[in-house]
């Protein structure tokens, strides 16, 4: 398992519990488990750590009731919206609860995934190469053979910085949300934020508390959050920066004397250990191509690809867990991991190659019909719940559909409260009343 964040840890547990492998090992590049949930007050990159997207006062934008794995809850005494510290502690307690510590190898940077059978690179065994610090502190290369590989290295590591013509003329400081930690440096400053998603909203509402002026620049289309506020001016996107360093917007508006420009524009998928020509796994802008259910690569390199057999597809020996976005991450990682483990163990079977090819093509067609750009291939949104049920059904776990229905109900009411109370919804308490999930002010919830 490549990666010791949330997706890697739940993949580890499901594979261990399936009991079909002599050894299951996680390779984690840093010196801590937790992936993106490991907070560092500085943005310094070291041999075994790099800055994550966590900032000091971050709280989840999802309630803890739908944040956890499906059978391992957050502690009841925590607030509805927890901080990064509580999420990290949750993952550490998960590792201890399921006795996974000895399966995790820290400070191990995977550099290569090499298929041992070049004629069948998607269904054979693998040589994993990694680097690890030796007694002298130098990086030493090692390798080992494995029957299966799960890629769980996340997609919040390599910031995406859109190209803005003339950006070199900008007189202020440019940064990405990945390096934001506190709002202190923005006191009495003029700030412009670019982005439509959660980080733009969360960081924006934090900075507006101290900034002299706050501008939100976004592309056409709905934002993930309602960003209207008397203290925040919402604009069209930036078209270019002029010679004087002013931000010229798409509607002709000019923003002058901006001190900080913050990109809240997301991240690239970054898997340097995969080589397309050798691994026969094609990547494109913000997506991995030709995946069945966003998990298994199935293309011309698969031995059954050109056949029309009704036999179940031979499961590829490499799987991706955690690619989808705009999701409830931990529950979805759990479902994907169960699906992978049961397919590899032979407890359940994949559909025929004909149906798999149709499914992969259908994913692309649906997004084109919705006028979504190609890089939205892994964007699931509210379709994630049907997706999870589909995976569970194929894995022979339809009994878990009720758990998906429950987190879907929570997601729906959370989506509504984000729109109606964007600035303070994280201060509310989620509770169940007459079989319905509702949000209440904390004082009212305690009565």
Foldseek 3Di string as FASTA:
>chain_A
DEAQALLVLLLQLLQVVLPPDPAAAYEHQAQAGHALLDADLAQDDDRRDGFHLAADPDWDLAFQLLQAALPQGQDPPAFRIGHSVSVSVSSVVVCVVSVPVVRYDGNKAWQAWFQPDQLQLFAAKTKIKTWHQDPVRDTDIDIDIDGFAEDENAWGHADDDDDAAAQVLAPAEEEESSRDHALVVQAQFAEEEEDQEDSCLVVQLRNLVGYVAYEYEYDDDHGLFDRDDPRYHYDHHFRHADNNNWTQHPVGDIHPRHHYYYYHDGGFDDDNNDDCVRNVWDDDTQATACAQLSWGHDDPSHPCQPPDDFDFGNGTRYIYAQSAPLDSGNHRSNLSSLLVSLCVSVVFTHGHSVVSVVRRVVLQVVCVVVVHDPSNSRYQHLVSLVSSCVSCVRSVNNVCNVSSVVSSQSVVQSSVCSHVPVSCQSQWGWDADPNHIHTDHPVVVVD
